Amino acid sequence: MLDVIDVRYVKDYVLWVKFEDGSEGEVDLATSLRGPVFQPLKEIAFFKQVRVSSELGTIVWPNGADIAPETLHQRIHTAV
């Protein structure tokens, strides 16, 4: 499984994400915030409200926005 187990805000639209397989790293989501559900996340104060949903196994925001853990995992590993 590629479930996210921890997330921390780093700066701008960058998050540090840790997966249950032990992999971790930073991912810049600046170019990923497209569409109506992601519009509120363009406000940094709202973006910082990110948290891990143990039910979904990924990161989520209060408005219901989420990003697939597979997408985050791939972006971390291609950034290295």
Protein backbone atom coordinates (compact mmCIF):
# COMPACT_ATOMS: atom_id res chain seq x y z
CA MET A 1 0.00 0.00 0.00
CA LEU A 2 1.03 3.55 -0.62
CA ASP A 3 -0.89 5.13 2.23
CA VAL A 4 0.30 8.50 3.48
CA ILE A 5 1.01 8.44 7.23
CA ASP A 6 2.34 11.97 7.81
CA VAL A 7 2.30 15.35 6.12
CA ARG A 8 3.87 18.71 6.98
CA TYR A 9 3.66 22.09 5.36
CA VAL A 10 7.09 23.25 4.14
CA LYS A 11 6.61 26.53 2.22
CA ASP A 12 4.53 28.03 -0.56
CA TYR A 13 2.77 24.97 -2.07
CA VAL A 14 5.37 22.46 -0.95
CA LEU A 15 4.50 19.62 1.41
CA TRP A 16 6.68 16.96 3.03
CA VAL A 17 4.91 13.60 2.82
CA LYS A 18 5.75 10.26 4.44
CA PHE A 19 4.36 6.91 3.29
CA GLU A 20 3.82 3.69 5.19
CA ASP A 21 6.54 2.03 3.08
CA GLY A 22 9.05 4.40 4.72
CA SER A 23 9.58 6.62 1.70
CA GLU A 24 9.30 10.35 2.23
CA GLY A 25 10.04 13.59 0.50
CA GLU A 26 8.84 16.97 -0.62
CA VAL A 27 6.30 17.57 -3.33
CA ASP A 28 5.46 20.93 -4.89
CA LEU A 29 1.76 21.09 -5.71
CA ALA A 30 1.76 24.60 -7.21
CA THR A 31 0.97 23.34 -10.71
CA SER A 32 -1.54 20.74 -9.51
CA LEU A 33 -4.12 23.09 -8.02
CA ARG A 34 -6.51 23.22 -10.98
CA GLY A 35 -10.27 22.91 -10.95
CA PRO A 36 -13.00 24.17 -8.62
CA VAL A 37 -12.23 21.85 -5.68
CA PHE A 38 -8.61 23.07 -5.60
CA GLN A 39 -9.41 26.80 -5.93
CA PRO A 40 -9.54 27.41 -2.14
CA LEU A 41 -6.09 25.79 -1.77
CA LYS A 42 -4.51 28.64 -3.72
CA GLU A 43 -4.90 30.65 -0.52
CA ILE A 44 -1.84 29.65 1.54
CA ALA A 45 -3.70 29.83 4.86
CA PHE A 46 -6.17 27.25 3.55
CA PHE A 47 -3.45 25.14 1.90
CA LYS A 48 -1.71 24.87 5.28
CA GLN A 49 -4.79 23.10 6.70
CA VAL A 50 -3.70 19.88 4.99
CA ARG A 51 -3.96 16.71 7.06
CA VAL A 52 -3.77 12.95 6.62
CA SER A 53 -7.01 11.02 6.30
CA SER A 54 -6.40 7.54 7.68
CA GLU A 55 -9.67 6.46 6.04
CA LEU A 56 -8.50 7.51 2.57
CA GLY A 57 -4.79 6.95 3.11
CA THR A 58 -3.86 10.29 1.63
CA ILE A 59 -3.78 14.03 2.25
CA VAL A 60 -7.00 16.02 2.43
CA TRP A 61 -8.24 19.54 3.06
CA PRO A 62 -11.37 20.76 4.90
CA ASN A 63 -13.29 21.33 1.63
CA GLY A 64 -12.94 17.66 0.62
CA ALA A 65 -10.04 18.13 -1.81
CA ASP A 66 -7.53 15.29 -1.86
CA ILE A 67 -4.67 14.02 -3.99
CA ALA A 68 -4.19 10.34 -4.77
CA PRO A 69 -1.35 8.80 -2.76
CA GLU A 70 0.00 7.16 -5.93
CA THR A 71 0.39 10.60 -7.51
CA LEU A 72 2.26 11.94 -4.49
CA HIS A 73 4.47 8.86 -4.29
CA GLN A 74 5.39 9.08 -7.97
CA ARG A 75 6.17 12.80 -7.78
CA ILE A 76 8.44 12.30 -4.78
CA HIS A 77 10.36 9.51 -6.48
CA THR A 78 10.70 11.30 -9.82
CA ALA A 79 11.95 14.46 -8.05
CA VAL A 80 14.91 12.59 -6.53
